[in-house]
Amino acid sequence: KGLSNLGHDVKVLAVYKGAKGEEV
């Protein structure tokens, strides 16, 4: 979120899904 606020286009690629139901 900090890098997004500085203007970067940030995406995440995770190996596995984490906590269910978490809206981030």
PDB file of all heavy atoms in Angstrom:
ATOM      1  N   LYS A   1       0.829  -1.208   0.000  1.00  0.00           N
ATOM      2  CA  LYS A   1       0.000   0.000   0.000  1.00  0.00           C
ATOM      3  C   LYS A   1       0.863   1.258   0.000  1.00  0.00           C
ATOM      4  O   LYS A   1       0.531   2.253  -0.656  1.00  0.00           O
ATOM      5  CB  LYS A   1      -0.926  -0.003   1.225  1.00  0.00           C
ATOM      6  CG  LYS A   1      -1.958  -1.116   1.236  1.00  0.00           C
ATOM      7  CD  LYS A   1      -2.891  -1.060   0.050  1.00  0.00           C
ATOM      8  CE  LYS A   1      -3.850   0.110   0.104  1.00  0.00           C
ATOM      9  NZ  LYS A   1      -4.800   0.101  -1.052  1.00  0.00           N
ATOM     10  N   GLY A   2       1.978   1.211   0.713  1.00  0.00           N
ATOM     11  CA  GLY A   2       2.871   2.362   0.756  1.00  0.00           C
ATOM     12  C   GLY A   2       3.443   2.701  -0.603  1.00  0.00           C
ATOM     13  O   GLY A   2       3.489   3.878  -1.003  1.00  0.00           O
ATOM     14  N   LEU A   3       3.870   1.686  -1.369  1.00  0.00           N
ATOM     15  CA  LEU A   3       4.402   1.933  -2.709  1.00  0.00           C
ATOM     16  C   LEU A   3       3.299   2.373  -3.669  1.00  0.00           C
ATOM     17  O   LEU A   3       3.532   3.206  -4.552  1.00  0.00           O
ATOM     18  CB  LEU A   3       5.102   0.678  -3.237  1.00  0.00           C
ATOM     19  CG  LEU A   3       6.438   0.319  -2.583  1.00  0.00           C
ATOM     20  CD1 LEU A   3       7.049  -0.899  -3.263  1.00  0.00           C
ATOM     21  CD2 LEU A   3       7.416   1.490  -2.632  1.00  0.00           C
ATOM     22  N   SER A   4       2.105   1.829  -3.489  1.00  0.00           N
ATOM     23  CA  SER A   4       0.968   2.259  -4.317  1.00  0.00           C
ATOM     24  C   SER A   4       0.688   3.738  -4.094  1.00  0.00           C
ATOM     25  O   SER A   4       0.439   4.495  -5.053  1.00  0.00           O
ATOM     26  CB  SER A   4      -0.280   1.439  -3.982  1.00  0.00           C
ATOM     27  OG  SER A   4      -0.091   0.076  -4.294  1.00  0.00           O
ATOM     28  N   ASN A   5       0.748   4.170  -2.840  1.00  0.00           N
ATOM     29  CA  ASN A   5       0.500   5.576  -2.520  1.00  0.00           C
ATOM     30  C   ASN A   5       1.576   6.496  -3.098  1.00  0.00           C
ATOM     31  O   ASN A   5       1.336   7.691  -3.294  1.00  0.00           O
ATOM     32  CB  ASN A   5       0.415   5.768  -1.003  1.00  0.00           C
ATOM     33  CG  ASN A   5      -0.817   5.112  -0.402  1.00  0.00           C
ATOM     34  OD1 ASN A   5      -1.804   4.867  -1.097  1.00  0.00           O
ATOM     35  ND2 ASN A   5      -0.773   4.809   0.887  1.00  0.00           N
ATOM     36  N   LEU A   6       2.762   5.929  -3.378  1.00  0.00           N
ATOM     37  CA  LEU A   6       3.834   6.718  -3.987  1.00  0.00           C
ATOM     38  C   LEU A   6       3.747   6.713  -5.512  1.00  0.00           C
ATOM     39  O   LEU A   6       4.629   7.251  -6.183  1.00  0.00           O
ATOM     40  CB  LEU A   6       5.199   6.175  -3.535  1.00  0.00           C
ATOM     41  CG  LEU A   6       5.575   6.449  -2.069  1.00  0.00           C
ATOM     42  CD1 LEU A   6       6.848   5.697  -1.686  1.00  0.00           C
ATOM     43  CD2 LEU A   6       5.742   7.944  -1.825  1.00  0.00           C
ATOM     44  N   GLY A   7       2.699   6.090  -6.042  1.00  0.00           N
ATOM     45  CA  GLY A   7       2.454   6.155  -7.484  1.00  0.00           C
ATOM     46  C   GLY A   7       2.843   4.928  -8.281  1.00  0.00           C
ATOM     47  O   GLY A   7       2.682   4.911  -9.504  1.00  0.00           O
ATOM     48  N   HIS A   8       3.336   3.886  -7.634  1.00  0.00           N
ATOM     49  CA  HIS A   8       3.707   2.668  -8.357  1.00  0.00           C
ATOM     50  C   HIS A   8       2.470   1.820  -8.656  1.00  0.00           C
ATOM     51  O   HIS A   8       1.509   1.804  -7.885  1.00  0.00           O
ATOM     52  CB  HIS A   8       4.702   1.844  -7.536  1.00  0.00           C
ATOM     53  CG  HIS A   8       6.028   2.512  -7.353  1.00  0.00           C
ATOM     54  ND1 HIS A   8       6.985   2.563  -8.334  1.00  0.00           N
ATOM     55  CD2 HIS A   8       6.548   3.184  -6.284  1.00  0.00           C
ATOM     56  CE1 HIS A   8       8.043   3.215  -7.884  1.00  0.00           C
ATOM     57  NE2 HIS A   8       7.799   3.612  -6.647  1.00  0.00           N
ATOM     58  N   ASP A   9       2.508   1.146  -9.780  1.00  0.00           N
ATOM     59  CA  ASP A   9       1.455   0.202 -10.165  1.00  0.00           C
ATOM     60  C   ASP A   9       1.851  -1.163  -9.605  1.00  0.00           C
ATOM     61  O   ASP A   9       2.690  -1.862 -10.170  1.00  0.00           O
ATOM     62  CB  ASP A   9       1.343   0.152 -11.688  1.00  0.00           C
ATOM     63  CG  ASP A   9       0.281  -0.835 -12.173  1.00  0.00           C
ATOM     64  OD1 ASP A   9      -0.473  -1.371 -11.331  1.00  0.00           O
ATOM     65  OD2 ASP A   9       0.220  -1.083 -13.395  1.00  0.00           O
ATOM     66  N   VAL A  10       1.277  -1.525  -8.455  1.00  0.00           N
ATOM     67  CA  VAL A  10       1.724  -2.706  -7.716  1.00  0.00           C
ATOM     68  C   VAL A  10       0.739  -3.859  -7.869  1.00  0.00           C
ATOM     69  O   VAL A  10      -0.464  -3.700  -7.681  1.00  0.00           O
ATOM     70  CB  VAL A  10       1.905  -2.390  -6.216  1.00  0.00           C
ATOM     71  CG1 VAL A  10       2.452  -3.609  -5.477  1.00  0.00           C
ATOM     72  CG2 VAL A  10       2.841  -1.200  -6.022  1.00  0.00           C
ATOM     73  N   LYS A  11       1.284  -5.033  -8.197  1.00  0.00           N
ATOM     74  CA  LYS A  11       0.505  -6.264  -8.250  1.00  0.00           C
ATOM     75  C   LYS A  11       1.212  -7.324  -7.418  1.00  0.00           C
ATOM     76  O   LYS A  11       2.409  -7.213  -7.130  1.00  0.00           O
ATOM     77  CB  LYS A  11       0.345  -6.737  -9.695  1.00  0.00           C
ATOM     78  CG  LYS A  11      -0.434  -5.751 -10.573  1.00  0.00           C
ATOM     79  CD  LYS A  11      -0.506  -6.212 -12.018  1.00  0.00           C
ATOM     80  CE  LYS A  11      -1.261  -5.189 -12.867  1.00  0.00           C
ATOM     81  NZ  LYS A  11      -1.285  -5.574 -14.302  1.00  0.00           N
ATOM     82  N   VAL A  12       0.464  -8.357  -7.048  1.00  0.00           N
ATOM     83  CA  VAL A  12       1.012  -9.426  -6.220  1.00  0.00           C
ATOM     84  C   VAL A  12       0.781 -10.764  -6.904  1.00  0.00           C
ATOM     85  O   VAL A  12      -0.331 -11.055  -7.359  1.00  0.00           O
ATOM     86  CB  VAL A  12       0.352  -9.452  -4.821  1.00  0.00           C
ATOM     87  CG1 VAL A  12       0.946 -10.573  -3.972  1.00  0.00           C
ATOM     88  CG2 VAL A  12       0.528  -8.110  -4.117  1.00  0.00           C
ATOM     89  N   LEU A  13       1.832 -11.563  -6.974  1.00  0.00           N
ATOM     90  CA  LEU A  13       1.719 -12.939  -7.454  1.00  0.00           C
ATOM     91  C   LEU A  13       2.144 -13.851  -6.307  1.00  0.00           C
ATOM     92  O   LEU A  13       3.299 -13.838  -5.883  1.00  0.00           O
ATOM     93  CB  LEU A  13       2.609 -13.167  -8.677  1.00  0.00           C
ATOM     94  CG  LEU A  13       2.609 -14.589  -9.259  1.00  0.00           C
ATOM     95  CD1 LEU A  13       1.205 -15.018  -9.672  1.00  0.00           C
ATOM     96  CD2 LEU A  13       3.561 -14.690 -10.450  1.00  0.00           C
ATOM     97  N   ALA A  14       1.189 -14.613  -5.789  1.00  0.00           N
ATOM     98  CA  ALA A  14       1.445 -15.514  -4.662  1.00  0.00           C
ATOM     99  C   ALA A  14       1.413 -16.957  -5.134  1.00  0.00           C
ATOM    100  O   ALA A  14       0.659 -17.306  -6.053  1.00  0.00           O
ATOM    101  CB  ALA A  14       0.398 -15.304  -3.575  1.00  0.00           C
ATOM    102  N   VAL A  15       2.217 -17.786  -4.493  1.00  0.00           N
ATOM    103  CA  VAL A  15       2.195 -19.215  -4.831  1.00  0.00           C
ATOM    104  C   VAL A  15       0.860 -19.811  -4.413  1.00  0.00           C
ATOM    105  O   VAL A  15       0.204 -20.512  -5.188  1.00  0.00           O
ATOM    106  CB  VAL A  15       3.360 -19.957  -4.145  1.00  0.00           C
ATOM    107  CG1 VAL A  15       3.326 -21.446  -4.528  1.00  0.00           C
ATOM    108  CG2 VAL A  15       4.703 -19.347  -4.526  1.00  0.00           C
ATOM    109  N   TYR A  16       0.429 -19.503  -3.176  1.00  0.00           N
ATOM    110  CA  TYR A  16      -0.817 -20.062  -2.657  1.00  0.00           C
ATOM    111  C   TYR A  16      -1.718 -18.971  -2.100  1.00  0.00           C
ATOM    112  O   TYR A  16      -1.247 -17.924  -1.658  1.00  0.00           O
ATOM    113  CB  TYR A  16      -0.530 -21.083  -1.544  1.00  0.00           C
ATOM    114  CG  TYR A  16       0.232 -22.293  -2.025  1.00  0.00           C
ATOM    115  CD1 TYR A  16       1.576 -22.464  -1.693  1.00  0.00           C
ATOM    116  CD2 TYR A  16      -0.380 -23.253  -2.823  1.00  0.00           C
ATOM    117  CE1 TYR A  16       2.287 -23.573  -2.134  1.00  0.00           C
ATOM    118  CE2 TYR A  16       0.328 -24.361  -3.276  1.00  0.00           C
ATOM    119  CZ  TYR A  16       1.661 -24.515  -2.926  1.00  0.00           C
ATOM    120  OH  TYR A  16       2.354 -25.611  -3.378  1.00  0.00           O
ATOM    121  N   LYS A  17      -3.019 -19.252  -2.110  1.00  0.00           N
ATOM    122  CA  LYS A  17      -3.995 -18.345  -1.507  1.00  0.00           C
ATOM    123  C   LYS A  17      -3.842 -18.389  -0.003  1.00  0.00           C
ATOM    124  O   LYS A  17      -3.674 -19.433   0.599  1.00  0.00           O
ATOM    125  CB  LYS A  17      -5.410 -18.792  -1.887  1.00  0.00           C
ATOM    126  CG  LYS A  17      -6.514 -17.906  -1.330  1.00  0.00           C
ATOM    127  CD  LYS A  17      -7.000 -16.939  -2.375  1.00  0.00           C
ATOM    128  CE  LYS A  17      -8.306 -16.263  -1.962  1.00  0.00           C
ATOM    129  NZ  LYS A  17      -8.157 -15.175  -1.007  1.00  0.00           N
ATOM    130  N   GLY A  18      -3.913 -17.200   0.612  1.00  0.00           N
ATOM    131  CA  GLY A  18      -3.757 -17.110   2.053  1.00  0.00           C
ATOM    132  C   GLY A  18      -5.074 -17.128   2.784  1.00  0.00           C
ATOM    133  O   GLY A  18      -5.952 -17.948   2.501  1.00  0.00           O
ATOM    134  N   ALA A  19      -5.250 -16.178   3.704  1.00  0.00           N
ATOM    135  CA  ALA A  19      -6.432 -16.140   4.569  1.00  0.00           C
ATOM    136  C   ALA A  19      -7.710 -16.000   3.762  1.00  0.00           C
ATOM    137  O   ALA A  19      -7.836 -15.104   2.925  1.00  0.00           O
ATOM    138  CB  ALA A  19      -6.296 -14.982   5.565  1.00  0.00           C
ATOM    139  N   LYS A  20      -8.646 -16.880   4.012  1.00  0.00           N
ATOM    140  CA  LYS A  20      -9.916 -16.851   3.295  1.00  0.00           C
ATOM    141  C   LYS A  20     -10.779 -15.698   3.798  1.00  0.00           C
ATOM    142  O   LYS A  20     -10.824 -15.400   4.982  1.00  0.00           O
ATOM    143  CB  LYS A  20     -10.653 -18.176   3.470  1.00  0.00           C
ATOM    144  CG  LYS A  20      -9.930 -19.346   2.808  1.00  0.00           C
ATOM    145  CD  LYS A  20     -10.675 -20.648   3.012  1.00  0.00           C
ATOM    146  CE  LYS A  20      -9.942 -21.803   2.340  1.00  0.00           C
ATOM    147  NZ  LYS A  20     -10.605 -23.097   2.562  1.00  0.00           N
ATOM    148  N   GLY A  21     -11.455 -15.064   2.863  1.00  0.00           N
ATOM    149  CA  GLY A  21     -12.394 -14.016   3.226  1.00  0.00           C
ATOM    150  C   GLY A  21     -11.766 -12.671   3.520  1.00  0.00           C
ATOM    151  O   GLY A  21     -12.449 -11.728   3.879  1.00  0.00           O
ATOM    152  N   GLU A  22     -10.428 -12.567   3.379  1.00  0.00           N
ATOM    153  CA  GLU A  22      -9.765 -11.291   3.642  1.00  0.00           C
ATOM    154  C   GLU A  22      -9.844 -10.399   2.414  1.00  0.00           C
ATOM    155  O   GLU A  22      -9.317 -10.721   1.352  1.00  0.00           O
ATOM    156  CB  GLU A  22      -8.291 -11.526   4.007  1.00  0.00           C
ATOM    157  CG  GLU A  22      -8.074 -11.917   5.444  1.00  0.00           C
ATOM    158  CD  GLU A  22      -8.409 -10.801   6.408  1.00  0.00           C
ATOM    159  OE1 GLU A  22      -7.854  -9.711   6.291  1.00  0.00           O
ATOM    160  OE2 GLU A  22      -9.256 -11.042   7.287  1.00  0.00           O
ATOM    161  N   GLU A  23     -10.486  -9.256   2.540  1.00  0.00           N
ATOM    162  CA  GLU A  23     -10.543  -8.281   1.463  1.00  0.00           C
ATOM    163  C   GLU A  23      -9.436  -7.264   1.697  1.00  0.00           C
ATOM    164  O   GLU A  23      -9.444  -6.531   2.686  1.00  0.00           O
ATOM    165  CB  GLU A  23     -11.918  -7.597   1.443  1.00  0.00           C
ATOM    166  CG  GLU A  23     -13.068  -8.528   1.082  1.00  0.00           C
ATOM    167  CD  GLU A  23     -12.923  -9.134  -0.306  1.00  0.00           C
ATOM    168  OE1 GLU A  23     -12.400  -8.444  -1.207  1.00  0.00           O
ATOM    169  OE2 GLU A  23     -13.315 -10.302  -0.487  1.00  0.00           O
ATOM    170  N   VAL A  24      -8.465  -7.218   0.811  1.00  0.00           N
ATOM    171  CA  VAL A  24      -7.288  -6.389   1.061  1.00  0.00           C
ATOM    172  C   VAL A  24      -7.169  -5.204   0.101  1.00  0.00           C
ATOM    173  O   VAL A  24      -6.316  -4.352   0.283  1.00  0.00           O
ATOM    174  CB  VAL A  24      -6.002  -7.244   0.990  1.00  0.00           C
ATOM    175  CG1 VAL A  24      -5.955  -8.210   2.146  1.00  0.00           C
ATOM    176  CG2 VAL A  24      -5.906  -7.986  -0.324  1.00  0.00           C
TER     177      VAL A  24
END
